[in-house]
Amino acid sequence: MLLGLFILSAVLIKTSLLGLGWISITIGLSGYLFCRWFNIKLDIKLTDKFKRLFITGAALHLLVYIGLITKLFLIDSFEDLPTFLISHLVFHHAICAVIAAALTFLAIRIYLQQQKLTQAYRQELS
């Protein structure tokens, strides 16, 4: 189960890096709901951290889309449309790269937490 959650988080990071916002929102929400509804045989700390990773990805992408819609309503005329499209491309991909970086750091923290728990469990058995 742990490998599946790491793979799902890697797919979320990759779709964020590619700028596929709605797909990232869908993956983030489905990963969160999966962690919440299914009985995963993991430590509660790991499950909570995976939930945080998935909901963070979905929420940040939603905030980017809210910013885009807000920016869309600030257009005065059709002459501003090309500027809007160019600035959207730069803004969207830069912000998606920052989101992917944040999700990568969260995934690394989860992996390190899992390693600590595994080492503690092995020492307990010894």
Protein backbone atom coordinates (compact mmCIF):
# COMPACT_ATOMS: atom_id res chain seq x y z
CA MET A 1 0.00 0.00 0.00
CA LEU A 2 2.87 2.35 0.80
CA LEU A 3 4.35 1.90 -2.67
CA GLY A 4 0.99 2.66 -4.27
CA LEU A 5 0.64 5.90 -2.32
CA PHE A 6 4.18 6.93 -3.27
CA ILE A 7 3.42 6.18 -6.93
CA LEU A 8 0.20 8.21 -6.73
CA SER A 9 2.10 11.11 -5.15
CA ALA A 10 4.76 10.86 -7.90
CA VAL A 11 2.02 11.02 -10.54
CA LEU A 12 0.57 14.06 -8.77
CA ILE A 13 3.99 15.73 -8.78
CA LYS A 14 4.50 14.93 -12.46
CA THR A 15 1.10 16.26 -13.53
CA SER A 16 1.77 19.39 -11.48
CA LEU A 17 5.12 19.83 -13.18
CA LEU A 18 3.50 19.47 -16.59
CA GLY A 19 0.92 22.12 -15.71
CA LEU A 20 -2.07 19.76 -15.91
CA GLY A 21 -4.08 21.50 -13.22
CA TRP A 22 -7.45 19.79 -13.40
CA ILE A 23 -5.84 16.37 -13.58
CA SER A 24 -3.70 17.27 -10.57
CA ILE A 25 -6.78 18.42 -8.66
CA THR A 26 -8.53 15.14 -9.50
CA ILE A 27 -5.54 13.04 -8.46
CA GLY A 28 -5.10 15.05 -5.26
CA LEU A 29 -8.74 14.72 -4.25
CA SER A 30 -8.90 11.02 -5.14
CA GLY A 31 -5.69 10.32 -3.21
CA TYR A 32 -7.05 12.20 -0.19
CA LEU A 33 -10.37 10.35 -0.32
CA PHE A 34 -8.54 7.04 -0.74
CA CYS A 35 -6.47 7.71 2.39
CA ARG A 36 -9.54 8.81 4.29
CA TRP A 37 -12.07 6.12 3.40
CA PHE A 38 -9.99 2.96 3.06
CA ASN A 39 -8.42 1.17 5.99
CA ILE A 40 -4.74 1.50 5.14
CA LYS A 41 -2.38 -0.61 7.22
CA LEU A 42 0.10 2.21 7.76
CA ASP A 43 1.12 4.29 10.73
CA ILE A 44 -1.36 7.09 11.39
CA LYS A 45 1.40 9.69 10.98
CA LEU A 46 2.19 8.45 7.48
CA THR A 47 -1.47 8.38 6.51
CA ASP A 48 -1.94 11.94 7.78
CA LYS A 49 1.12 13.12 5.88
CA PHE A 50 -0.14 11.52 2.66
CA LYS A 51 -3.52 13.19 3.22
CA ARG A 52 -1.74 16.53 3.67
CA LEU A 53 0.28 16.02 0.49
CA PHE A 54 -2.77 15.20 -1.63
CA ILE A 55 -4.97 17.98 -0.25
CA THR A 56 -2.11 20.50 -0.56
CA GLY A 57 -1.70 19.65 -4.24
CA ALA A 58 -5.41 19.98 -4.94
CA ALA A 59 -5.81 23.18 -2.92
CA LEU A 60 -2.82 24.94 -4.46
CA HIS A 61 -3.99 24.14 -7.98
CA LEU A 62 -7.46 25.41 -7.12
CA LEU A 63 -5.91 28.64 -5.86
CA VAL A 64 -4.02 29.04 -9.14
CA TYR A 65 -7.26 28.66 -11.08
CA ILE A 66 -9.01 31.17 -8.82
CA GLY A 67 -6.17 33.60 -9.54
CA LEU A 68 -6.53 32.95 -13.26
CA ILE A 69 -10.27 33.59 -13.20
CA THR A 70 -9.74 36.76 -11.16
CA LYS A 71 -7.17 37.93 -13.68
CA LEU A 72 -9.58 37.11 -16.51
CA PHE A 73 -12.19 39.45 -15.06
CA LEU A 74 -9.66 42.29 -15.02
CA ILE A 75 -9.41 42.35 -18.82
CA ASP A 76 -10.68 45.67 -20.17
CA SER A 77 -10.89 44.95 -23.89
CA PHE A 78 -9.97 42.45 -26.56
CA GLU A 79 -6.60 44.17 -27.00
CA ASP A 80 -5.61 42.83 -23.58
CA LEU A 81 -6.37 39.23 -24.56
CA PRO A 82 -2.94 38.36 -26.09
CA THR A 83 -1.22 39.83 -23.04
CA PHE A 84 -3.49 37.78 -20.81
CA LEU A 85 -2.68 34.57 -22.69
CA ILE A 86 1.09 35.11 -22.62
CA SER A 87 1.11 36.12 -18.96
CA HIS A 88 -1.11 33.13 -18.16
CA LEU A 89 1.34 30.72 -19.77
CA VAL A 90 4.29 32.15 -17.85
CA PHE A 91 2.39 32.53 -14.58
CA HIS A 92 0.69 29.14 -14.76
CA HIS A 93 3.80 27.11 -15.51
CA ALA A 94 5.95 28.95 -13.00
CA ILE A 95 3.42 28.45 -10.22
CA CYS A 96 2.87 24.79 -11.19
CA ALA A 97 6.63 24.22 -10.96
CA VAL A 98 6.63 25.74 -7.46
CA ILE A 99 3.69 23.51 -6.48
CA ALA A 100 5.53 20.45 -7.82
CA ALA A 101 8.63 21.43 -5.82
CA ALA A 102 6.59 21.80 -2.63
CA LEU A 103 4.92 18.42 -3.21
CA THR A 104 8.32 16.83 -3.85
CA PHE A 105 9.61 18.09 -0.51
CA LEU A 106 6.49 16.79 1.23
CA ALA A 107 6.98 13.37 -0.39
CA ILE A 108 10.63 13.30 0.70
CA ARG A 109 9.56 14.11 4.27
CA ILE A 110 7.07 11.23 4.17
CA TYR A 111 9.78 8.87 2.92
CA LEU A 112 12.17 9.94 5.68
CA GLN A 113 9.42 9.53 8.29
CA GLN A 114 8.75 6.03 6.99
CA GLN A 115 12.45 5.18 7.23
CA LYS A 116 12.55 6.36 10.86
CA LEU A 117 9.51 4.25 11.71
CA THR A 118 11.02 1.21 10.00
CA GLN A 119 14.30 1.59 11.89
CA ALA A 120 12.47 2.02 15.20
CA TYR A 121 10.43 -1.11 14.49
CA ARG A 122 13.57 -3.11 13.67
CA GLN A 123 15.29 -1.94 16.86
CA GLU A 124 12.22 -2.91 18.83
CA LEU A 125 12.35 -6.44 17.42
CA SER A 126 16.06 -6.83 18.22
